[in-house]
Amino acid sequence: MPKHYSIRNGGHAPGHVRDTFLKAVEAFVYWNGTDPEPRVEFEVNYEPQPISLSKACGLVWNCTDILPGGEEQLLSVELGMNTSGTYASAARAMHRWLTENRIQS
């Protein structure tokens, strides 16, 4: 019986979870960093729900899948984030940036 993905245990994430994170990477790259944190859509029971970039990072926190090359390039080379090429490492680097640069309100 195949093991189901869980945020806590990681492993291979479902496509819709990975797609949500890829949308979050794109929103992060085009965000000016001063406006409120962007939101992306995540499907819950086939209903789109807006979630923050931080929450999108949490979805793949332990995901061992390999991040597509374009997104890896954007985060590691162009933005200087230290990632090892997995969704988990990209999510942790992005979340670290969001936490360290959070706008004080």
PDB file of N, CA and C in Angstrom:
ATOM      1  N   MET A   1       0.845  -1.172   0.000  1.00  0.00           N
ATOM      2  CA  MET A   1       0.000   0.000   0.000  1.00  0.00           C
ATOM      3  C   MET A   1       0.894   1.241   0.000  1.00  0.00           C
ATOM      4  N   PRO A   2       0.636   2.216  -0.912  1.00  0.00           N
ATOM      5  CA  PRO A   2       1.478   3.406  -0.971  1.00  0.00           C
ATOM      6  C   PRO A   2       1.297   4.295   0.251  1.00  0.00           C
ATOM      7  N   LYS A   3       2.385   4.890   0.644  1.00  0.00           N
ATOM      8  CA  LYS A   3       2.357   5.798   1.777  1.00  0.00           C
ATOM      9  C   LYS A   3       1.827   7.148   1.306  1.00  0.00           C
ATOM     10  N   HIS A   4       0.926   7.739   2.061  1.00  0.00           N
ATOM     11  CA  HIS A   4       0.375   9.045   1.731  1.00  0.00           C
ATOM     12  C   HIS A   4       1.292  10.129   2.267  1.00  0.00           C
ATOM     13  N   TYR A   5       1.351  11.231   1.529  1.00  0.00           N
ATOM     14  CA  TYR A   5       2.184  12.357   1.936  1.00  0.00           C
ATOM     15  C   TYR A   5       1.596  13.025   3.171  1.00  0.00           C
ATOM     16  N   SER A   6       2.456  13.364   4.097  1.00  0.00           N
ATOM     17  CA  SER A   6       2.030  14.181   5.236  1.00  0.00           C
ATOM     18  C   SER A   6       3.079  15.260   5.429  1.00  0.00           C
ATOM     19  N   ILE A   7       2.634  16.433   5.803  1.00  0.00           N
ATOM     20  CA  ILE A   7       3.550  17.546   6.005  1.00  0.00           C
ATOM     21  C   ILE A   7       4.606  17.181   7.039  1.00  0.00           C
ATOM     22  N   ARG A   8       4.201  16.457   8.055  1.00  0.00           N
ATOM     23  CA  ARG A   8       5.128  16.097   9.133  1.00  0.00           C
ATOM     24  C   ARG A   8       6.193  15.110   8.683  1.00  0.00           C
ATOM     25  N   ASN A   9       5.788  14.064   7.955  1.00  0.00           N
ATOM     26  CA  ASN A   9       6.725  13.007   7.575  1.00  0.00           C
ATOM     27  C   ASN A   9       7.388  13.218   6.223  1.00  0.00           C
ATOM     28  N   GLY A  10       6.836  14.096   5.404  1.00  0.00           N
ATOM     29  CA  GLY A  10       7.449  14.405   4.114  1.00  0.00           C
ATOM     30  C   GLY A  10       7.293  13.313   3.094  1.00  0.00           C
ATOM     31  N   GLY A  11       8.276  13.249   2.209  1.00  0.00           N
ATOM     32  CA  GLY A  11       8.228  12.296   1.113  1.00  0.00           C
ATOM     33  C   GLY A  11       7.791  12.992  -0.160  1.00  0.00           C
ATOM     34  N   HIS A  12       7.124  12.235  -1.029  1.00  0.00           N
ATOM     35  CA  HIS A  12       6.660  12.738  -2.321  1.00  0.00           C
ATOM     36  C   HIS A  12       5.308  13.419  -2.135  1.00  0.00           C
ATOM     37  N   ALA A  13       5.237  14.710  -2.466  1.00  0.00           N
ATOM     38  CA  ALA A  13       3.995  15.474  -2.292  1.00  0.00           C
ATOM     39  C   ALA A  13       3.104  15.352  -3.519  1.00  0.00           C
ATOM     40  N   PRO A  14       1.787  15.416  -3.318  1.00  0.00           N
ATOM     41  CA  PRO A  14       0.860  15.396  -4.457  1.00  0.00           C
ATOM     42  C   PRO A  14       1.098  16.602  -5.368  1.00  0.00           C
ATOM     43  N   GLY A  15       0.705  16.462  -6.615  1.00  0.00           N
ATOM     44  CA  GLY A  15       0.915  17.513  -7.599  1.00  0.00           C
ATOM     45  C   GLY A  15       0.316  18.848  -7.221  1.00  0.00           C
ATOM     46  N   HIS A  16      -0.906  18.850  -6.672  1.00  0.00           N
ATOM     47  CA  HIS A  16      -1.533  20.130  -6.347  1.00  0.00           C
ATOM     48  C   HIS A  16      -0.793  20.858  -5.223  1.00  0.00           C
ATOM     49  N   VAL A  17      -0.140  20.113  -4.348  1.00  0.00           N
ATOM     50  CA  VAL A  17       0.647  20.726  -3.267  1.00  0.00           C
ATOM     51  C   VAL A  17       1.913  21.345  -3.869  1.00  0.00           C
ATOM     52  N   ARG A  18       2.595  20.603  -4.719  1.00  0.00           N
ATOM     53  CA  ARG A  18       3.802  21.137  -5.363  1.00  0.00           C
ATOM     54  C   ARG A  18       3.468  22.328  -6.246  1.00  0.00           C
ATOM     55  N   ASP A  19       2.352  22.251  -6.982  1.00  0.00           N
ATOM     56  CA  ASP A  19       1.939  23.365  -7.835  1.00  0.00           C
ATOM     57  C   ASP A  19       1.672  24.629  -7.021  1.00  0.00           C
ATOM     58  N   THR A  20       1.064  24.476  -5.866  1.00  0.00           N
ATOM     59  CA  THR A  20       0.813  25.629  -5.005  1.00  0.00           C
ATOM     60  C   THR A  20       2.124  26.274  -4.590  1.00  0.00           C
ATOM     61  N   PHE A  21       3.111  25.464  -4.233  1.00  0.00           N
ATOM     62  CA  PHE A  21       4.395  26.036  -3.841  1.00  0.00           C
ATOM     63  C   PHE A  21       5.081  26.725  -5.021  1.00  0.00           C
ATOM     64  N   LEU A  22       4.975  26.148  -6.206  1.00  0.00           N
ATOM     65  CA  LEU A  22       5.579  26.792  -7.382  1.00  0.00           C
ATOM     66  C   LEU A  22       4.925  28.143  -7.661  1.00  0.00           C
ATOM     67  N   LYS A  23       3.612  28.232  -7.455  1.00  0.00           N
ATOM     68  CA  LYS A  23       2.930  29.527  -7.579  1.00  0.00           C
ATOM     69  C   LYS A  23       3.442  30.493  -6.520  1.00  0.00           C
ATOM     70  N   ALA A  24       3.723  29.974  -5.323  1.00  0.00           N
ATOM     71  CA  ALA A  24       4.249  30.815  -4.245  1.00  0.00           C
ATOM     72  C   ALA A  24       5.640  31.338  -4.585  1.00  0.00           C
ATOM     73  N   VAL A  25       6.469  30.497  -5.199  1.00  0.00           N
ATOM     74  CA  VAL A  25       7.809  30.942  -5.608  1.00  0.00           C
ATOM     75  C   VAL A  25       7.675  32.077  -6.622  1.00  0.00           C
ATOM     76  N   GLU A  26       6.783  31.910  -7.592  1.00  0.00           N
ATOM     77  CA  GLU A  26       6.586  32.946  -8.593  1.00  0.00           C
ATOM     78  C   GLU A  26       6.092  34.244  -7.950  1.00  0.00           C
ATOM     79  N   ALA A  27       5.121  34.147  -7.064  1.00  0.00           N
ATOM     80  CA  ALA A  27       4.607  35.343  -6.381  1.00  0.00           C
ATOM     81  C   ALA A  27       5.702  36.002  -5.552  1.00  0.00           C
ATOM     82  N   PHE A  28       6.528  35.195  -4.900  1.00  0.00           N
ATOM     83  CA  PHE A  28       7.626  35.708  -4.080  1.00  0.00           C
ATOM     84  C   PHE A  28       8.628  36.481  -4.932  1.00  0.00           C
ATOM     85  N   VAL A  29       8.981  35.930  -6.077  1.00  0.00           N
ATOM     86  CA  VAL A  29       9.969  36.552  -6.956  1.00  0.00           C
ATOM     87  C   VAL A  29       9.477  37.904  -7.469  1.00  0.00           C
ATOM     88  N   TYR A  30       8.195  38.009  -7.778  1.00  0.00           N
ATOM     89  CA  TYR A  30       7.652  39.256  -8.335  1.00  0.00           C
ATOM     90  C   TYR A  30       7.140  40.223  -7.270  1.00  0.00           C
ATOM     91  N   TRP A  31       7.163  39.834  -6.020  1.00  0.00           N
ATOM     92  CA  TRP A  31       6.696  40.666  -4.913  1.00  0.00           C
ATOM     93  C   TRP A  31       7.760  41.701  -4.588  1.00  0.00           C
ATOM     94  N   ASN A  32       7.345  42.916  -4.250  1.00  0.00           N
ATOM     95  CA  ASN A  32       8.311  43.965  -3.935  1.00  0.00           C
ATOM     96  C   ASN A  32       8.867  43.871  -2.516  1.00  0.00           C
ATOM     97  N   GLY A  33       8.328  43.002  -1.696  1.00  0.00           N
ATOM     98  CA  GLY A  33       8.848  42.792  -0.348  1.00  0.00           C
ATOM     99  C   GLY A  33       8.374  43.798   0.681  1.00  0.00           C
ATOM    100  N   THR A  34       7.635  44.808   0.240  1.00  0.00           N
ATOM    101  CA  THR A  34       7.153  45.801   1.194  1.00  0.00           C
ATOM    102  C   THR A  34       5.641  45.766   1.357  1.00  0.00           C
ATOM    103  N   ASP A  35       4.923  45.380   0.311  1.00  0.00           N
ATOM    104  CA  ASP A  35       3.475  45.231   0.426  1.00  0.00           C
ATOM    105  C   ASP A  35       3.178  44.011   1.296  1.00  0.00           C
ATOM    106  N   PRO A  36       1.929  43.860   1.732  1.00  0.00           N
ATOM    107  CA  PRO A  36       1.588  42.650   2.495  1.00  0.00           C
ATOM    108  C   PRO A  36       1.963  41.382   1.731  1.00  0.00           C
ATOM    109  N   GLU A  37       2.268  40.338   2.484  1.00  0.00           N
ATOM    110  CA  GLU A  37       2.674  39.066   1.887  1.00  0.00           C
ATOM    111  C   GLU A  37       1.613  38.577   0.906  1.00  0.00           C
ATOM    112  N   PRO A  38       2.034  38.241  -0.313  1.00  0.00           N
ATOM    113  CA  PRO A  38       1.064  37.755  -1.308  1.00  0.00           C
ATOM    114  C   PRO A  38       0.397  36.448  -0.866  1.00  0.00           C
ATOM    115  N   ARG A  39      -0.711  36.156  -1.514  1.00  0.00           N
ATOM    116  CA  ARG A  39      -1.447  34.929  -1.271  1.00  0.00           C
ATOM    117  C   ARG A  39      -1.549  34.164  -2.591  1.00  0.00           C
ATOM    118  N   VAL A  40      -1.590  32.852  -2.471  1.00  0.00           N
ATOM    119  CA  VAL A  40      -1.781  31.978  -3.630  1.00  0.00           C
ATOM    120  C   VAL A  40      -2.934  31.039  -3.323  1.00  0.00           C
ATOM    121  N   GLU A  41      -3.494  30.449  -4.360  1.00  0.00           N
ATOM    122  CA  GLU A  41      -4.616  29.531  -4.153  1.00  0.00           C
ATOM    123  C   GLU A  41      -4.122  28.118  -3.888  1.00  0.00           C
ATOM    124  N   PHE A  42      -4.758  27.484  -2.906  1.00  0.00           N
ATOM    125  CA  PHE A  42      -4.503  26.087  -2.574  1.00  0.00           C
ATOM    126  C   PHE A  42      -5.848  25.387  -2.488  1.00  0.00           C
ATOM    127  N   GLU A  43      -5.978  24.274  -3.194  1.00  0.00           N
ATOM    128  CA  GLU A  43      -7.252  23.559  -3.200  1.00  0.00           C
ATOM    129  C   GLU A  43      -7.394  22.658  -1.983  1.00  0.00           C
ATOM    130  N   VAL A  44      -8.492  22.873  -1.272  1.00  0.00           N
ATOM    131  CA  VAL A  44      -8.857  22.025  -0.140  1.00  0.00           C
ATOM    132  C   VAL A  44     -10.220  21.441  -0.474  1.00  0.00           C
ATOM    133  N   ASN A  45     -10.288  20.128  -0.599  1.00  0.00           N
ATOM    134  CA  ASN A  45     -11.520  19.452  -1.016  1.00  0.00           C
ATOM    135  C   ASN A  45     -12.061  20.051  -2.313  1.00  0.00           C
ATOM    136  N   TYR A  46     -11.166  20.291  -3.251  1.00  0.00           N
ATOM    137  CA  TYR A  46     -11.487  20.817  -4.574  1.00  0.00           C
ATOM    138  C   TYR A  46     -12.019  22.245  -4.560  1.00  0.00           C
ATOM    139  N   GLU A  47     -11.860  22.939  -3.449  1.00  0.00           N
ATOM    140  CA  GLU A  47     -12.260  24.342  -3.337  1.00  0.00           C
ATOM    141  C   GLU A  47     -11.010  25.193  -3.168  1.00  0.00           C
ATOM    142  N   PRO A  48     -10.781  26.165  -4.052  1.00  0.00           N
ATOM    143  CA  PRO A  48      -9.600  27.026  -3.907  1.00  0.00           C
ATOM    144  C   PRO A  48      -9.703  27.906  -2.662  1.00  0.00           C
ATOM    145  N   GLN A  49      -8.627  27.921  -1.900  1.00  0.00           N
ATOM    146  CA  GLN A  49      -8.551  28.738  -0.688  1.00  0.00           C
ATOM    147  C   GLN A  49      -7.285  29.590  -0.787  1.00  0.00           C
ATOM    148  N   PRO A  50      -7.369  30.897  -0.496  1.00  0.00           N
ATOM    149  CA  PRO A  50      -6.154  31.709  -0.517  1.00  0.00           C
ATOM    150  C   PRO A  50      -5.308  31.432   0.728  1.00  0.00           C
ATOM    151  N   ILE A  51      -4.012  31.228   0.523  1.00  0.00           N
ATOM    152  CA  ILE A  51      -3.093  31.041   1.649  1.00  0.00           C
ATOM    153  C   ILE A  51      -1.870  31.934   1.424  1.00  0.00           C
ATOM    154  N   SER A  52      -1.213  32.295   2.495  1.00  0.00           N
ATOM    155  CA  SER A  52      -0.026  33.144   2.411  1.00  0.00           C
ATOM    156  C   SER A  52       1.163  32.352   1.868  1.00  0.00           C
ATOM    157  N   LEU A  53       2.189  33.080   1.465  1.00  0.00           N
ATOM    158  CA  LEU A  53       3.416  32.420   1.021  1.00  0.00           C
ATOM    159  C   LEU A  53       3.997  31.573   2.147  1.00  0.00           C
ATOM    160  N   SER A  54       3.937  32.087   3.369  1.00  0.00           N
ATOM    161  CA  SER A  54       4.458  31.341   4.529  1.00  0.00           C
ATOM    162  C   SER A  54       3.750  30.002   4.684  1.00  0.00           C
ATOM    163  N   LYS A  55       2.429  30.013   4.529  1.00  0.00           N
ATOM    164  CA  LYS A  55       1.679  28.757   4.637  1.00  0.00           C
ATOM    165  C   LYS A  55       2.011  27.822   3.478  1.00  0.00           C
ATOM    166  N   ALA A  56       2.229  28.379   2.288  1.00  0.00           N
ATOM    167  CA  ALA A  56       2.613  27.557   1.137  1.00  0.00           C
ATOM    168  C   ALA A  56       3.953  26.877   1.415  1.00  0.00           C
ATOM    169  N   CYS A  57       4.859  27.590   2.081  1.00  0.00           N
ATOM    170  CA  CYS A  57       6.146  26.979   2.454  1.00  0.00           C
ATOM    171  C   CYS A  57       5.919  25.794   3.383  1.00  0.00           C
ATOM    172  N   GLY A  58       4.999  25.942   4.312  1.00  0.00           N
ATOM    173  CA  GLY A  58       4.703  24.868   5.255  1.00  0.00           C
ATOM    174  C   GLY A  58       4.167  23.615   4.598  1.00  0.00           C
ATOM    175  N   LEU A  59       3.500  23.768   3.464  1.00  0.00           N
ATOM    176  CA  LEU A  59       2.938  22.605   2.765  1.00  0.00           C
ATOM    177  C   LEU A  59       4.014  21.633   2.303  1.00  0.00           C
ATOM    178  N   VAL A  60       5.189  22.153   1.960  1.00  0.00           N
ATOM    179  CA  VAL A  60       6.261  21.305   1.421  1.00  0.00           C
ATOM    180  C   VAL A  60       7.487  21.292   2.336  1.00  0.00           C
ATOM    181  N   TRP A  61       7.292  21.610   3.591  1.00  0.00           N
ATOM    182  CA  TRP A  61       8.387  21.751   4.558  1.00  0.00           C
ATOM    183  C   TRP A  61       9.304  20.528   4.600  1.00  0.00           C
ATOM    184  N   ASN A  62       8.763  19.345   4.440  1.00  0.00           N
ATOM    185  CA  ASN A  62       9.555  18.111   4.468  1.00  0.00           C
ATOM    186  C   ASN A  62       9.470  17.330   3.157  1.00  0.00           C
ATOM    187  N   CYS A  63       9.103  18.001   2.082  1.00  0.00           N
ATOM    188  CA  CYS A  63       8.946  17.341   0.774  1.00  0.00           C
ATOM    189  C   CYS A  63      10.310  17.078   0.149  1.00  0.00           C
ATOM    190  N   THR A  64      10.586  15.833  -0.172  1.00  0.00           N
ATOM    191  CA  THR A  64      11.884  15.447  -0.728  1.00  0.00           C
ATOM    192  C   THR A  64      11.931  15.505  -2.253  1.00  0.00           C
ATOM    193  N   ASP A  65      10.832  15.904  -2.888  1.00  0.00           N
ATOM    194  CA  ASP A  65      10.818  16.027  -4.347  1.00  0.00           C
ATOM    195  C   ASP A  65      11.820  17.090  -4.792  1.00  0.00           C
ATOM    196  N   ILE A  66      12.350  16.906  -5.995  1.00  0.00           N
ATOM    197  CA  ILE A  66      13.310  17.847  -6.561  1.00  0.00           C
ATOM    198  C   ILE A  66      12.560  19.023  -7.193  1.00  0.00           C
ATOM    199  N   LEU A  67      12.969  20.221  -6.833  1.00  0.00           N
ATOM    200  CA  LEU A  67      12.390  21.446  -7.366  1.00  0.00           C
ATOM    201  C   LEU A  67      12.766  21.581  -8.844  1.00  0.00           C
ATOM    202  N   PRO A  68      11.826  22.005  -9.707  1.00  0.00           N
ATOM    203  CA  PRO A  68      12.186  22.213 -11.111  1.00  0.00           C
ATOM    204  C   PRO A  68      13.337  23.221 -11.244  1.00  0.00           C
ATOM    205  N   GLY A  69      14.155  23.030 -12.281  1.00  0.00           N
ATOM    206  CA  GLY A  69      15.352  23.834 -12.465  1.00  0.00           C
ATOM    207  C   GLY A  69      15.128  25.329 -12.529  1.00  0.00           C
ATOM    208  N   GLY A  70      14.049  25.764 -13.168  1.00  0.00           N
ATOM    209  CA  GLY A  70      13.781  27.198 -13.284  1.00  0.00           C
ATOM    210  C   GLY A  70      13.580  27.856 -11.940  1.00  0.00           C
ATOM    211  N   GLU A  71      12.804  27.225 -11.084  1.00  0.00           N
ATOM    212  CA  GLU A  71      12.551  27.774  -9.753  1.00  0.00           C
ATOM    213  C   GLU A  71      13.807  27.702  -8.887  1.00  0.00           C
ATOM    214  N   GLU A  72      14.552  26.612  -9.029  1.00  0.00           N
ATOM    215  CA  GLU A  72      15.811  26.475  -8.287  1.00  0.00           C
ATOM    216  C   GLU A  72      16.763  27.608  -8.689  1.00  0.00           C
ATOM    217  N   GLN A  73      16.836  27.867  -9.977  1.00  0.00           N
ATOM    218  CA  GLN A  73      17.695  28.943 -10.505  1.00  0.00           C
ATOM    219  C   GLN A  73      17.269  30.294  -9.934  1.00  0.00           C
ATOM    220  N   LEU A  74      15.977  30.567  -9.952  1.00  0.00           N
ATOM    221  CA  LEU A  74      15.483  31.843  -9.432  1.00  0.00           C
ATOM    222  C   LEU A  74      15.869  32.039  -7.970  1.00  0.00           C
ATOM    223  N   LEU A  75      15.640  31.017  -7.161  1.00  0.00           N
ATOM    224  CA  LEU A  75      15.891  31.156  -5.729  1.00  0.00           C
ATOM    225  C   LEU A  75      17.375  31.146  -5.388  1.00  0.00           C
ATOM    226  N   SER A  76      18.109  30.203  -5.941  1.00  0.00           N
ATOM    227  CA  SER A  76      19.507  30.064  -5.525  1.00  0.00           C
ATOM    228  C   SER A  76      20.446  31.042  -6.212  1.00  0.00           C
ATOM    229  N   VAL A  77      20.323  31.202  -7.506  1.00  0.00           N
ATOM    230  CA  VAL A  77      21.270  32.047  -8.237  1.00  0.00           C
ATOM    231  C   VAL A  77      20.839  33.514  -8.203  1.00  0.00           C
ATOM    232  N   GLU A  78      19.611  33.787  -8.629  1.00  0.00           N
ATOM    233  CA  GLU A  78      19.184  35.176  -8.751  1.00  0.00           C
ATOM    234  C   GLU A  78      18.891  35.838  -7.415  1.00  0.00           C
ATOM    235  N   LEU A  79      18.363  35.090  -6.447  1.00  0.00           N
ATOM    236  CA  LEU A  79      18.040  35.686  -5.148  1.00  0.00           C
ATOM    237  C   LEU A  79      19.049  35.321  -4.064  1.00  0.00           C
ATOM    238  N   GLY A  80      20.005  34.460  -4.388  1.00  0.00           N
ATOM    239  CA  GLY A  80      21.061  34.114  -3.441  1.00  0.00           C
ATOM    240  C   GLY A  80      20.626  33.265  -2.259  1.00  0.00           C
ATOM    241  N   MET A  81      19.545  32.513  -2.408  1.00  0.00           N
ATOM    242  CA  MET A  81      19.070  31.657  -1.316  1.00  0.00           C
ATOM    243  C   MET A  81      19.800  30.322  -1.371  1.00  0.00           C
ATOM    244  N   ASN A  82      20.150  29.819  -0.213  1.00  0.00           N
ATOM    245  CA  ASN A  82      20.854  28.545  -0.111  1.00  0.00           C
ATOM    246  C   ASN A  82      19.842  27.402  -0.118  1.00  0.00           C
ATOM    247  N   THR A  83      19.739  26.720  -1.253  1.00  0.00           N
ATOM    248  CA  THR A  83      18.842  25.566  -1.347  1.00  0.00           C
ATOM    249  C   THR A  83      19.639  24.379  -1.858  1.00  0.00           C
ATOM    250  N   SER A  84      19.185  23.185  -1.528  1.00  0.00           N
ATOM    251  CA  SER A  84      19.857  21.980  -2.019  1.00  0.00           C
ATOM    252  C   SER A  84      19.071  21.338  -3.153  1.00  0.00           C
ATOM    253  N   GLY A  85      18.106  22.063  -3.703  1.00  0.00           N
ATOM    254  CA  GLY A  85      17.376  21.557  -4.860  1.00  0.00           C
ATOM    255  C   GLY A  85      16.078  20.856  -4.578  1.00  0.00           C
ATOM    256  N   THR A  86      15.691  20.715  -3.308  1.00  0.00           N
ATOM    257  CA  THR A  86      14.416  20.072  -2.994  1.00  0.00           C
ATOM    258  C   THR A  86      13.371  21.126  -2.654  1.00  0.00           C
ATOM    259  N   TYR A  87      12.116  20.714  -2.729  1.00  0.00           N
ATOM    260  CA  TYR A  87      11.045  21.611  -2.327  1.00  0.00           C
ATOM    261  C   TYR A  87      11.239  22.026  -0.867  1.00  0.00           C
ATOM    262  N   ALA A  88      11.636  21.087  -0.021  1.00  0.00           N
ATOM    263  CA  ALA A  88      11.812  21.386   1.402  1.00  0.00           C
ATOM    264  C   ALA A  88      12.876  22.453   1.620  1.00  0.00           C
ATOM    265  N   SER A  89      14.025  22.324   0.980  1.00  0.00           N
ATOM    266  CA  SER A  89      15.088  23.304   1.190  1.00  0.00           C
ATOM    267  C   SER A  89      14.691  24.671   0.642  1.00  0.00           C
ATOM    268  N   ALA A  90      13.984  24.695  -0.483  1.00  0.00           N
ATOM    269  CA  ALA A  90      13.518  25.963  -1.045  1.00  0.00           C
ATOM    270  C   ALA A  90      12.487  26.602  -0.117  1.00  0.00           C
ATOM    271  N   ALA A  91      11.574  25.791   0.408  1.00  0.00           N
ATOM    272  CA  ALA A  91      10.558  26.314   1.320  1.00  0.00           C
ATOM    273  C   ALA A  91      11.197  26.884   2.587  1.00  0.00           C
ATOM    274  N   ARG A  92      12.188  26.205   3.108  1.00  0.00           N
ATOM    275  CA  ARG A  92      12.854  26.682   4.328  1.00  0.00           C
ATOM    276  C   ARG A  92      13.623  27.971   4.072  1.00  0.00           C
ATOM    277  N   ALA A  93      14.279  28.083   2.918  1.00  0.00           N
ATOM    278  CA  ALA A  93      15.012  29.312   2.583  1.00  0.00           C
ATOM    279  C   ALA A  93      14.046  30.479   2.387  1.00  0.00           C
ATOM    280  N   MET A  94      12.966  30.224   1.684  1.00  0.00           N
ATOM    281  CA  MET A  94      11.987  31.273   1.439  1.00  0.00           C
ATOM    282  C   MET A  94      11.323  31.704   2.742  1.00  0.00           C
ATOM    283  N   HIS A  95      10.966  30.736   3.574  1.00  0.00           N
ATOM    284  CA  HIS A  95      10.328  31.041   4.853  1.00  0.00           C
ATOM    285  C   HIS A  95      11.281  31.830   5.756  1.00  0.00           C
ATOM    286  N   ARG A  96      12.553  31.475   5.738  1.00  0.00           N
ATOM    287  CA  ARG A  96      13.556  32.198   6.526  1.00  0.00           C
ATOM    288  C   ARG A  96      13.584  33.669   6.093  1.00  0.00           C
ATOM    289  N   TRP A  97      13.592  33.906   4.777  1.00  0.00           N
ATOM    290  CA  TRP A  97      13.593  35.277   4.273  1.00  0.00           C
ATOM    291  C   TRP A  97      12.337  36.008   4.725  1.00  0.00           C
ATOM    292  N   LEU A  98      11.177  35.356   4.599  1.00  0.00           N
ATOM    293  CA  LEU A  98       9.914  35.980   4.994  1.00  0.00           C
ATOM    294  C   LEU A  98       9.912  36.336   6.480  1.00  0.00           C
ATOM    295  N   THR A  99      10.450  35.455   7.299  1.00  0.00           N
ATOM    296  CA  THR A  99      10.487  35.689   8.746  1.00  0.00           C
ATOM    297  C   THR A  99      11.458  36.813   9.090  1.00  0.00           C
ATOM    298  N   GLU A 100      12.630  36.804   8.490  1.00  0.00           N
ATOM    299  CA  GLU A 100      13.634  37.817   8.790  1.00  0.00           C
ATOM    300  C   GLU A 100      13.284  39.195   8.263  1.00  0.00           C
ATOM    301  N   ASN A 101      12.478  39.254   7.219  1.00  0.00           N
ATOM    302  CA  ASN A 101      12.150  40.525   6.586  1.00  0.00           C
ATOM    303  C   ASN A 101      10.681  40.921   6.757  1.00  0.00           C
ATOM    304  N   ARG A 102      10.029  40.279   7.685  1.00  0.00           N
ATOM    305  CA  ARG A 102       8.612  40.577   7.924  1.00  0.00           C
ATOM    306  C   ARG A 102       8.432  42.036   8.295  1.00  0.00           C
ATOM    307  N   ILE A 103       7.469  42.651   7.680  1.00  0.00           N
ATOM    308  CA  ILE A 103       7.175  44.057   7.935  1.00  0.00           C
ATOM    309  C   ILE A 103       6.537  44.174   9.312  1.00  0.00           C
ATOM    310  N   GLN A 104       7.077  45.057  10.124  1.00  0.00           N
ATOM    311  CA  GLN A 104       6.520  45.282  11.452  1.00  0.00           C
ATOM    312  C   GLN A 104       5.301  46.206  11.316  1.00  0.00           C
ATOM    313  N   SER A 105       4.136  45.729  11.792  1.00  0.00           N
ATOM    314  CA  SER A 105       2.945  46.587  11.701  1.00  0.00           C
ATOM    315  C   SER A 105       2.472  47.009  13.052  1.00  0.00           C
TER     316      SER A 105
END
